[in-house]
């Protein structure tokens, strides 16, 4: 039984955006094409375009080829091809700039 003076806990999220400046969020569970994912740190939902494995990155906005990609508030790589919001972000479309 819930206590009327205690708010219900937040609904579970599908992904986590670590900082507002980040281009990618981390999947908190496997995400499926066509799913409307709830991303902590984003307003509304994000339409998942490709399968995203648990703990992998999903683009939260469109990213043009050649543009730096941010996670943790830091540049983690450069997009090697255009990436659309809801796409899987991994070694097939990003090149690391970390040494």
PDB file of N, CA and C in Angstrom:
ATOM      1  N   UNK A   1       0.849  -1.173   0.000  1.00  0.00           N
ATOM      2  CA  UNK A   1       0.000   0.000   0.000  1.00  0.00           C
ATOM      3  C   UNK A   1       0.891   1.231   0.000  1.00  0.00           C
ATOM      4  N   UNK A   2       0.615   2.198  -0.888  1.00  0.00           N
ATOM      5  CA  UNK A   2       1.460   3.380  -0.948  1.00  0.00           C
ATOM      6  C   UNK A   2       0.959   4.444   0.011  1.00  0.00           C
ATOM      7  N   UNK A   3       1.861   5.213   0.517  1.00  0.00           N
ATOM      8  CA  UNK A   3       1.565   6.304   1.423  1.00  0.00           C
ATOM      9  C   UNK A   3       1.277   7.547   0.580  1.00  0.00           C
ATOM     10  N   UNK A   4       0.104   8.178   0.707  1.00  0.00           N
ATOM     11  CA  UNK A   4      -0.234   9.327  -0.135  1.00  0.00           C
ATOM     12  C   UNK A   4       0.729  10.497   0.017  1.00  0.00           C
ATOM     13  N   UNK A   5       1.431  10.593   1.143  1.00  0.00           N
ATOM     14  CA  UNK A   5       2.364  11.707   1.320  1.00  0.00           C
ATOM     15  C   UNK A   5       3.740  11.404   0.747  1.00  0.00           C
ATOM     16  N   UNK A   6       3.968  10.160   0.331  1.00  0.00           N
ATOM     17  CA  UNK A   6       5.251   9.778  -0.247  1.00  0.00           C
ATOM     18  C   UNK A   6       5.067   9.593  -1.751  1.00  0.00           C
ATOM     19  N   UNK A   7       5.818  10.343  -2.566  1.00  0.00           N
ATOM     20  CA  UNK A   7       5.649  10.191  -4.009  1.00  0.00           C
ATOM     21  C   UNK A   7       6.089   8.797  -4.462  1.00  0.00           C
ATOM     22  N   UNK A   8       5.441   8.304  -5.519  1.00  0.00           N
ATOM     23  CA  UNK A   8       5.849   7.024  -6.092  1.00  0.00           C
ATOM     24  C   UNK A   8       7.265   7.159  -6.623  1.00  0.00           C
ATOM     25  N   UNK A   9       8.044   6.079  -6.580  1.00  0.00           N
ATOM     26  CA  UNK A   9       9.403   6.160  -7.119  1.00  0.00           C
ATOM     27  C   UNK A   9       9.360   6.429  -8.619  1.00  0.00           C
ATOM     28  N   UNK A  10      10.438   7.013  -9.125  1.00  0.00           N
ATOM     29  CA  UNK A  10      10.524   7.303 -10.556  1.00  0.00           C
ATOM     30  C   UNK A  10      10.433   5.998 -11.343  1.00  0.00           C
ATOM     31  N   UNK A  11       9.801   6.042 -12.518  1.00  0.00           N
ATOM     32  CA  UNK A  11       9.730   4.822 -13.320  1.00  0.00           C
ATOM     33  C   UNK A  11      11.130   4.397 -13.762  1.00  0.00           C
ATOM     34  N   UNK A  12      11.330   3.114 -13.999  1.00  0.00           N
ATOM     35  CA  UNK A  12      12.649   2.669 -14.423  1.00  0.00           C
ATOM     36  C   UNK A  12      13.018   3.295 -15.768  1.00  0.00           C
ATOM     37  N   UNK A  13      14.265   3.607 -15.933  1.00  0.00           N
ATOM     38  CA  UNK A  13      14.772   4.219 -17.165  1.00  0.00           C
ATOM     39  C   UNK A  13      15.430   3.153 -18.024  1.00  0.00           C
ATOM     40  N   UNK A  14      15.440   3.392 -19.330  1.00  0.00           N
ATOM     41  CA  UNK A  14      16.061   2.467 -20.274  1.00  0.00           C
ATOM     42  C   UNK A  14      17.523   2.815 -20.539  1.00  0.00           C
ATOM     43  N   UNK A  15      17.861   4.092 -20.360  1.00  0.00           N
ATOM     44  CA  UNK A  15      19.229   4.543 -20.632  1.00  0.00           C
ATOM     45  C   UNK A  15      19.527   5.751 -19.746  1.00  0.00           C
ATOM     46  N   UNK A  16      20.803   6.078 -19.644  1.00  0.00           N
ATOM     47  CA  UNK A  16      21.253   7.156 -18.770  1.00  0.00           C
ATOM     48  C   UNK A  16      22.167   8.094 -19.537  1.00  0.00           C
ATOM     49  N   UNK A  17      21.793   9.371 -19.578  1.00  0.00           N
ATOM     50  CA  UNK A  17      22.632  10.432 -20.136  1.00  0.00           C
ATOM     51  C   UNK A  17      23.415  11.000 -18.960  1.00  0.00           C
ATOM     52  N   UNK A  18      24.733  10.909 -19.007  1.00  0.00           N
ATOM     53  CA  UNK A  18      25.539  11.270 -17.839  1.00  0.00           C
ATOM     54  C   UNK A  18      25.652  12.774 -17.618  1.00  0.00           C
ATOM     55  N   UNK A  19      25.784  13.551 -18.693  1.00  0.00           N
ATOM     56  CA  UNK A  19      25.801  15.013 -18.578  1.00  0.00           C
ATOM     57  C   UNK A  19      24.975  15.592 -19.720  1.00  0.00           C
ATOM     58  N   UNK A  20      24.414  16.791 -19.560  1.00  0.00           N
ATOM     59  CA  UNK A  20      23.596  17.382 -20.619  1.00  0.00           C
ATOM     60  C   UNK A  20      24.359  17.605 -21.928  1.00  0.00           C
ATOM     61  N   UNK A  21      25.668  17.771 -21.863  1.00  0.00           N
ATOM     62  CA  UNK A  21      26.468  18.004 -23.072  1.00  0.00           C
ATOM     63  C   UNK A  21      26.757  16.723 -23.854  1.00  0.00           C
ATOM     64  N   UNK A  22      26.471  15.559 -23.270  1.00  0.00           N
ATOM     65  CA  UNK A  22      26.780  14.285 -23.929  1.00  0.00           C
ATOM     66  C   UNK A  22      25.913  14.062 -25.162  1.00  0.00           C
ATOM     67  N   UNK A  23      26.503  13.405 -26.153  1.00  0.00           N
ATOM     68  CA  UNK A  23      25.802  13.034 -27.388  1.00  0.00           C
ATOM     69  C   UNK A  23      25.210  11.637 -27.288  1.00  0.00           C
ATOM     70  N   UNK A  24      25.716  10.845 -26.344  1.00  0.00           N
ATOM     71  CA  UNK A  24      25.300   9.451 -26.216  1.00  0.00           C
ATOM     72  C   UNK A  24      24.883   9.150 -24.783  1.00  0.00           C
ATOM     73  N   UNK A  25      23.968   8.197 -24.662  1.00  0.00           N
ATOM     74  CA  UNK A  25      23.536   7.691 -23.354  1.00  0.00           C
ATOM     75  C   UNK A  25      23.957   6.229 -23.268  1.00  0.00           C
ATOM     76  N   UNK A  26      23.995   5.699 -22.068  1.00  0.00           N
ATOM     77  CA  UNK A  26      24.344   4.304 -21.828  1.00  0.00           C
ATOM     78  C   UNK A  26      23.067   3.495 -21.612  1.00  0.00           C
ATOM     79  N   UNK A  27      22.931   2.410 -22.371  1.00  0.00           N
ATOM     80  CA  UNK A  27      21.754   1.540 -22.244  1.00  0.00           C
ATOM     81  C   UNK A  27      21.808   0.796 -20.918  1.00  0.00           C
ATOM     82  N   UNK A  28      20.744   0.876 -20.157  1.00  0.00           N
ATOM     83  CA  UNK A  28      20.652   0.193 -18.863  1.00  0.00           C
ATOM     84  C   UNK A  28      20.032  -1.190 -18.985  1.00  0.00           C
ATOM     85  N   UNK A  29      19.641  -1.552 -20.186  1.00  0.00           N
ATOM     86  CA  UNK A  29      19.088  -2.873 -20.524  1.00  0.00           C
ATOM     87  C   UNK A  29      19.171  -2.971 -22.044  1.00  0.00           C
ATOM     88  N   UNK A  30      19.023  -4.138 -22.626  1.00  0.00           N
ATOM     89  CA  UNK A  30      18.997  -4.211 -24.098  1.00  0.00           C
ATOM     90  C   UNK A  30      17.822  -3.384 -24.637  1.00  0.00           C
ATOM     91  N   UNK A  31      18.085  -2.618 -25.692  1.00  0.00           N
ATOM     92  CA  UNK A  31      17.056  -1.787 -26.320  1.00  0.00           C
ATOM     93  C   UNK A  31      16.791  -2.322 -27.722  1.00  0.00           C
ATOM     94  N   UNK A  32      15.545  -2.216 -28.177  1.00  0.00           N
ATOM     95  CA  UNK A  32      15.127  -2.859 -29.418  1.00  0.00           C
ATOM     96  C   UNK A  32      14.627  -1.845 -30.438  1.00  0.00           C
ATOM     97  N   UNK A  33      14.891  -2.086 -31.738  1.00  0.00           N
ATOM     98  CA  UNK A  33      14.418  -1.167 -32.772  1.00  0.00           C
ATOM     99  C   UNK A  33      12.911  -0.931 -32.643  1.00  0.00           C
ATOM    100  N   UNK A  34      12.504   0.331 -32.777  1.00  0.00           N
ATOM    101  CA  UNK A  34      11.099   0.702 -32.675  1.00  0.00           C
ATOM    102  C   UNK A  34      10.653   1.039 -31.263  1.00  0.00           C
ATOM    103  N   UNK A  35      11.466   0.715 -30.274  1.00  0.00           N
ATOM    104  CA  UNK A  35      11.140   0.995 -28.869  1.00  0.00           C
ATOM    105  C   UNK A  35      11.241   2.487 -28.596  1.00  0.00           C
ATOM    106  N   UNK A  36      10.318   3.011 -27.812  1.00  0.00           N
ATOM    107  CA  UNK A  36      10.413   4.374 -27.305  1.00  0.00           C
ATOM    108  C   UNK A  36      11.101   4.271 -25.940  1.00  0.00           C
ATOM    109  N   UNK A  37      12.365   4.668 -25.883  1.00  0.00           N
ATOM    110  CA  UNK A  37      13.167   4.498 -24.669  1.00  0.00           C
ATOM    111  C   UNK A  37      13.095   5.744 -23.794  1.00  0.00           C
ATOM    112  N   UNK A  38      12.997   5.509 -22.502  1.00  0.00           N
ATOM    113  CA  UNK A  38      13.042   6.563 -21.500  1.00  0.00           C
ATOM    114  C   UNK A  38      14.510   6.751 -21.102  1.00  0.00           C
ATOM    115  N   UNK A  39      15.018   7.961 -21.312  1.00  0.00           N
ATOM    116  CA  UNK A  39      16.429   8.248 -21.033  1.00  0.00           C
ATOM    117  C   UNK A  39      16.509   9.260 -19.915  1.00  0.00           C
ATOM    118  N   UNK A  40      17.087   8.841 -18.784  1.00  0.00           N
ATOM    119  CA  UNK A  40      17.271   9.767 -17.675  1.00  0.00           C
ATOM    120  C   UNK A  40      18.201  10.878 -18.137  1.00  0.00           C
ATOM    121  N   UNK A  41      17.742  12.113 -18.027  1.00  0.00           N
ATOM    122  CA  UNK A  41      18.525  13.257 -18.470  1.00  0.00           C
ATOM    123  C   UNK A  41      17.989  13.866 -19.757  1.00  0.00           C
ATOM    124  N   UNK A  42      17.022  13.199 -20.407  1.00  0.00           N
ATOM    125  CA  UNK A  42      16.375  13.731 -21.611  1.00  0.00           C
ATOM    126  C   UNK A  42      14.895  13.923 -21.352  1.00  0.00           C
ATOM    127  N   UNK A  43      14.322  14.937 -21.950  1.00  0.00           N
ATOM    128  CA  UNK A  43      12.870  15.131 -21.906  1.00  0.00           C
ATOM    129  C   UNK A  43      12.235  14.190 -22.918  1.00  0.00           C
ATOM    130  N   UNK A  44      11.117  13.627 -22.612  1.00  0.00           N
ATOM    131  CA  UNK A  44      10.414  12.761 -23.546  1.00  0.00           C
ATOM    132  C   UNK A  44      11.113  11.419 -23.704  1.00  0.00           C
ATOM    133  N   UNK A  45      10.859  10.774 -24.832  1.00  0.00           N
ATOM    134  CA  UNK A  45      11.459   9.472 -25.105  1.00  0.00           C
ATOM    135  C   UNK A  45      12.322   9.550 -26.353  1.00  0.00           C
ATOM    136  N   UNK A  46      13.123   8.522 -26.555  1.00  0.00           N
ATOM    137  CA  UNK A  46      14.028   8.422 -27.693  1.00  0.00           C
ATOM    138  C   UNK A  46      13.641   7.188 -28.490  1.00  0.00           C
ATOM    139  N   UNK A  47      13.354   7.353 -29.780  1.00  0.00           N
ATOM    140  CA  UNK A  47      13.025   6.230 -30.641  1.00  0.00           C
ATOM    141  C   UNK A  47      14.300   5.468 -30.973  1.00  0.00           C
ATOM    142  N   UNK A  48      14.349   4.205 -30.590  1.00  0.00           N
ATOM    143  CA  UNK A  48      15.516   3.361 -30.846  1.00  0.00           C
ATOM    144  C   UNK A  48      15.440   2.852 -32.284  1.00  0.00           C
ATOM    145  N   UNK A  49      16.489   3.098 -33.049  1.00  0.00           N
ATOM    146  CA  UNK A  49      16.516   2.736 -34.471  1.00  0.00           C
ATOM    147  C   UNK A  49      17.222   1.411 -34.727  1.00  0.00           C
ATOM    148  N   UNK A  50      18.147   1.031 -33.841  1.00  0.00           N
ATOM    149  CA  UNK A  50      18.926  -0.197 -33.999  1.00  0.00           C
ATOM    150  C   UNK A  50      18.989  -0.894 -32.647  1.00  0.00           C
ATOM    151  N   UNK A  51      19.250  -2.192 -32.647  1.00  0.00           N
ATOM    152  CA  UNK A  51      19.423  -2.891 -31.387  1.00  0.00           C
ATOM    153  C   UNK A  51      20.623  -2.343 -30.625  1.00  0.00           C
ATOM    154  N   UNK A  52      20.433  -2.101 -29.348  1.00  0.00           N
ATOM    155  CA  UNK A  52      21.502  -1.568 -28.484  1.00  0.00           C
ATOM    156  C   UNK A  52      21.713  -2.564 -27.354  1.00  0.00           C
ATOM    157  N   UNK A  53      22.883  -3.227 -27.302  1.00  0.00           N
ATOM    158  CA  UNK A  53      23.140  -4.150 -26.192  1.00  0.00           C
ATOM    159  C   UNK A  53      23.255  -3.407 -24.854  1.00  0.00           C
ATOM    160  N   UNK A  54      23.027  -4.139 -23.780  1.00  0.00           N
ATOM    161  CA  UNK A  54      23.196  -3.631 -22.420  1.00  0.00           C
ATOM    162  C   UNK A  54      24.566  -2.976 -22.276  1.00  0.00           C
ATOM    163  N   UNK A  55      24.598  -1.792 -21.700  1.00  0.00           N
ATOM    164  CA  UNK A  55      25.806  -1.003 -21.415  1.00  0.00           C
ATOM    165  C   UNK A  55      26.463  -0.386 -22.648  1.00  0.00           C
ATOM    166  N   UNK A  56      25.863  -0.542 -23.823  1.00  0.00           N
ATOM    167  CA  UNK A  56      26.415   0.107 -25.013  1.00  0.00           C
ATOM    168  C   UNK A  56      25.839   1.516 -25.132  1.00  0.00           C
ATOM    169  N   UNK A  57      26.396   2.273 -26.071  1.00  0.00           N
ATOM    170  CA  UNK A  57      26.004   3.667 -26.260  1.00  0.00           C
ATOM    171  C   UNK A  57      24.902   3.795 -27.311  1.00  0.00           C
ATOM    172  N   UNK A  58      23.972   4.718 -27.060  1.00  0.00           N
ATOM    173  CA  UNK A  58      22.925   5.067 -28.009  1.00  0.00           C
ATOM    174  C   UNK A  58      22.999   6.579 -28.242  1.00  0.00           C
ATOM    175  N   UNK A  59      22.919   6.990 -29.507  1.00  0.00           N
ATOM    176  CA  UNK A  59      22.963   8.420 -29.838  1.00  0.00           C
ATOM    177  C   UNK A  59      21.681   9.094 -29.363  1.00  0.00           C
ATOM    178  N   UNK A  60      21.834  10.213 -28.667  1.00  0.00           N
ATOM    179  CA  UNK A  60      20.682  10.969 -28.176  1.00  0.00           C
ATOM    180  C   UNK A  60      20.304  12.098 -29.120  1.00  0.00           C
ATOM    181  N   UNK A  61      21.158  12.375 -30.080  1.00  0.00           N
ATOM    182  CA  UNK A  61      20.912  13.409 -31.092  1.00  0.00           C
ATOM    183  C   UNK A  61      21.644  12.994 -32.358  1.00  0.00           C
ATOM    184  N   UNK A  62      21.297  13.597 -33.471  1.00  0.00           N
ATOM    185  CA  UNK A  62      22.021  13.325 -34.718  1.00  0.00           C
ATOM    186  C   UNK A  62      23.445  13.840 -34.580  1.00  0.00           C
ATOM    187  N   UNK A  63      24.398  13.070 -35.120  1.00  0.00           N
ATOM    188  CA  UNK A  63      25.817  13.414 -35.060  1.00  0.00           C
ATOM    189  C   UNK A  63      26.354  13.307 -36.485  1.00  0.00           C
ATOM    190  N   UNK A  64      26.889  14.378 -37.017  1.00  0.00           N
ATOM    191  CA  UNK A  64      27.426  14.377 -38.381  1.00  0.00           C
ATOM    192  C   UNK A  64      28.785  13.671 -38.421  1.00  0.00           C
ATOM    193  N   UNK A  65      29.105  13.102 -39.565  1.00  0.00           N
ATOM    194  CA  UNK A  65      30.421  12.487 -39.754  1.00  0.00           C
ATOM    195  C   UNK A  65      31.504  13.536 -39.520  1.00  0.00           C
ATOM    196  N   UNK A  66      32.573  13.139 -38.839  1.00  0.00           N
ATOM    197  CA  UNK A  66      33.687  14.032 -38.563  1.00  0.00           C
ATOM    198  C   UNK A  66      33.544  14.861 -37.303  1.00  0.00           C
ATOM    199  N   UNK A  67      32.409  14.760 -36.633  1.00  0.00           N
ATOM    200  CA  UNK A  67      32.146  15.548 -35.421  1.00  0.00           C
ATOM    201  C   UNK A  67      32.580  14.759 -34.184  1.00  0.00           C
ATOM    202  N   UNK A  68      33.100  15.469 -33.204  1.00  0.00           N
ATOM    203  CA  UNK A  68      33.470  14.832 -31.940  1.00  0.00           C
ATOM    204  C   UNK A  68      32.216  14.300 -31.251  1.00  0.00           C
ATOM    205  N   UNK A  69      32.373  13.178 -30.562  1.00  0.00           N
ATOM    206  CA  UNK A  69      31.288  12.555 -29.813  1.00  0.00           C
ATOM    207  C   UNK A  69      31.633  12.655 -28.329  1.00  0.00           C
ATOM    208  N   UNK A  70      30.678  13.096 -27.523  1.00  0.00           N
ATOM    209  CA  UNK A  70      30.914  13.298 -26.090  1.00  0.00           C
ATOM    210  C   UNK A  70      30.143  12.296 -25.235  1.00  0.00           C
ATOM    211  N   UNK A  71      30.836  11.823 -24.205  1.00  0.00           N
ATOM    212  CA  UNK A  71      30.256  11.016 -23.130  1.00  0.00           C
ATOM    213  C   UNK A  71      31.057  11.366 -21.883  1.00  0.00           C
ATOM    214  N   UNK A  72      30.460  11.303 -20.729  1.00  0.00           N
ATOM    215  CA  UNK A  72      31.110  11.705 -19.469  1.00  0.00           C
ATOM    216  C   UNK A  72      31.463  13.196 -19.487  1.00  0.00           C
ATOM    217  N   UNK A  73      30.868  13.979 -20.402  1.00  0.00           N
ATOM    218  CA  UNK A  73      31.222  15.385 -20.536  1.00  0.00           C
ATOM    219  C   UNK A  73      32.539  15.588 -21.257  1.00  0.00           C
ATOM    220  N   UNK A  74      33.098  14.528 -21.814  1.00  0.00           N
ATOM    221  CA  UNK A  74      34.405  14.561 -22.483  1.00  0.00           C
ATOM    222  C   UNK A  74      34.289  13.993 -23.894  1.00  0.00           C
ATOM    223  N   UNK A  75      35.178  14.420 -24.768  1.00  0.00           N
ATOM    224  CA  UNK A  75      35.241  13.840 -26.108  1.00  0.00           C
ATOM    225  C   UNK A  75      35.787  12.423 -25.985  1.00  0.00           C
ATOM    226  N   UNK A  76      35.042  11.450 -26.541  1.00  0.00           N
ATOM    227  CA  UNK A  76      35.486  10.050 -26.502  1.00  0.00           C
ATOM    228  C   UNK A  76      35.869   9.532 -27.883  1.00  0.00           C
ATOM    229  N   UNK A  77      35.525  10.302 -28.915  1.00  0.00           N
ATOM    230  CA  UNK A  77      35.851   9.852 -30.260  1.00  0.00           C
ATOM    231  C   UNK A  77      35.307  10.809 -31.296  1.00  0.00           C
ATOM    232  N   UNK A  78      35.480  10.405 -32.553  1.00  0.00           N
ATOM    233  CA  UNK A  78      34.975  11.179 -33.671  1.00  0.00           C
ATOM    234  C   UNK A  78      34.094  10.255 -34.512  1.00  0.00           C
ATOM    235  N   UNK A  79      32.962  10.774 -34.959  1.00  0.00           N
ATOM    236  CA  UNK A  79      32.046   9.978 -35.782  1.00  0.00           C
ATOM    237  C   UNK A  79      32.689   9.728 -37.145  1.00  0.00           C
ATOM    238  N   UNK A  80      32.736   8.478 -37.558  1.00  0.00           N
ATOM    239  CA  UNK A  80      33.319   8.126 -38.851  1.00  0.00           C
ATOM    240  C   UNK A  80      32.261   8.123 -39.950  1.00  0.00           C
ATOM    241  N   UNK A  81      31.006   8.228 -39.578  1.00  0.00           N
ATOM    242  CA  UNK A  81      29.873   8.294 -40.492  1.00  0.00           C
ATOM    243  C   UNK A  81      28.761   9.054 -39.787  1.00  0.00           C
ATOM    244  N   UNK A  82      27.765   9.481 -40.533  1.00  0.00           N
ATOM    245  CA  UNK A  82      26.629  10.149 -39.893  1.00  0.00           C
ATOM    246  C   UNK A  82      25.911   9.158 -38.984  1.00  0.00           C
ATOM    247  N   UNK A  83      25.542   9.621 -37.804  1.00  0.00           N
ATOM    248  CA  UNK A  83      24.850   8.799 -36.810  1.00  0.00           C
ATOM    249  C   UNK A  83      23.544   9.514 -36.479  1.00  0.00           C
ATOM    250  N   UNK A  84      22.437   8.789 -36.524  1.00  0.00           N
ATOM    251  CA  UNK A  84      21.140   9.382 -36.205  1.00  0.00           C
ATOM    252  C   UNK A  84      20.765   9.096 -34.756  1.00  0.00           C
ATOM    253  N   UNK A  85      19.974   9.986 -34.180  1.00  0.00           N
ATOM    254  CA  UNK A  85      19.460   9.763 -32.825  1.00  0.00           C
ATOM    255  C   UNK A  85      18.771   8.406 -32.791  1.00  0.00           C
ATOM    256  N   UNK A  86      19.098   7.605 -31.772  1.00  0.00           N
ATOM    257  CA  UNK A  86      18.531   6.264 -31.633  1.00  0.00           C
ATOM    258  C   UNK A  86      19.404   5.172 -32.219  1.00  0.00           C
ATOM    259  N   UNK A  87      20.513   5.547 -32.881  1.00  0.00           N
ATOM    260  CA  UNK A  87      21.446   4.561 -33.442  1.00  0.00           C
ATOM    261  C   UNK A  87      22.405   4.039 -32.381  1.00  0.00           C
ATOM    262  N   UNK A  88      22.884   2.826 -32.604  1.00  0.00           N
ATOM    263  CA  UNK A  88      23.936   2.221 -31.782  1.00  0.00           C
ATOM    264  C   UNK A  88      25.241   2.945 -32.110  1.00  0.00           C
ATOM    265  N   UNK A  89      25.951   3.383 -31.095  1.00  0.00           N
ATOM    266  CA  UNK A  89      27.242   4.057 -31.269  1.00  0.00           C
ATOM    267  C   UNK A  89      28.312   3.125 -30.726  1.00  0.00           C
ATOM    268  N   UNK A  90      29.196   2.690 -31.627  1.00  0.00           N
ATOM    269  CA  UNK A  90      30.234   1.716 -31.254  1.00  0.00           C
ATOM    270  C   UNK A  90      31.361   1.812 -32.277  1.00  0.00           C
ATOM    271  N   UNK A  91      32.248   0.856 -32.302  1.00  0.00           N
ATOM    272  CA  UNK A  91      33.436   0.913 -33.164  1.00  0.00           C
ATOM    273  C   UNK A  91      33.114   0.966 -34.654  1.00  0.00           C
ATOM    274  N   UNK A  92      31.903   0.610 -35.048  1.00  0.00           N
ATOM    275  CA  UNK A  92      31.544   0.647 -36.466  1.00  0.00           C
ATOM    276  C   UNK A  92      31.247   2.067 -36.966  1.00  0.00           C
ATOM    277  N   UNK A  93      31.042   3.029 -36.048  1.00  0.00           N
ATOM    278  CA  UNK A  93      30.731   4.389 -36.500  1.00  0.00           C
ATOM    279  C   UNK A  93      31.409   5.481 -35.681  1.00  0.00           C
ATOM    280  N   UNK A  94      32.363   5.102 -34.854  1.00  0.00           N
ATOM    281  CA  UNK A  94      33.129   6.085 -34.071  1.00  0.00           C
ATOM    282  C   UNK A  94      34.572   5.580 -33.938  1.00  0.00           C
ATOM    283  N   UNK A  95      35.506   6.524 -34.039  1.00  0.00           N
ATOM    284  CA  UNK A  95      36.919   6.210 -33.853  1.00  0.00           C
ATOM    285  C   UNK A  95      37.386   6.911 -32.592  1.00  0.00           C
ATOM    286  N   UNK A  96      38.036   6.174 -31.710  1.00  0.00           N
ATOM    287  CA  UNK A  96      38.512   6.725 -30.453  1.00  0.00           C
ATOM    288  C   UNK A  96      39.577   7.791 -30.695  1.00  0.00           C
ATOM    289  N   UNK A  97      39.573   8.810 -29.857  1.00  0.00           N
ATOM    290  CA  UNK A  97      40.631   9.826 -29.884  1.00  0.00           C
ATOM    291  C   UNK A  97      41.443   9.777 -28.595  1.00  0.00           C
ATOM    292  N   UNK A  98      41.133   8.798 -27.761  1.00  0.00           N
ATOM    293  CA  UNK A  98      41.883   8.635 -26.507  1.00  0.00           C
ATOM    294  C   UNK A  98      43.161   7.860 -26.787  1.00  0.00           C
ATOM    295  N   UNK A  99      44.186   8.187 -26.048  1.00  0.00           N
ATOM    296  CA  UNK A  99      45.456   7.493 -26.242  1.00  0.00           C
ATOM    297  C   UNK A  99      45.784   6.611 -25.058  1.00  0.00           C
TER     298      UNK A  99
END
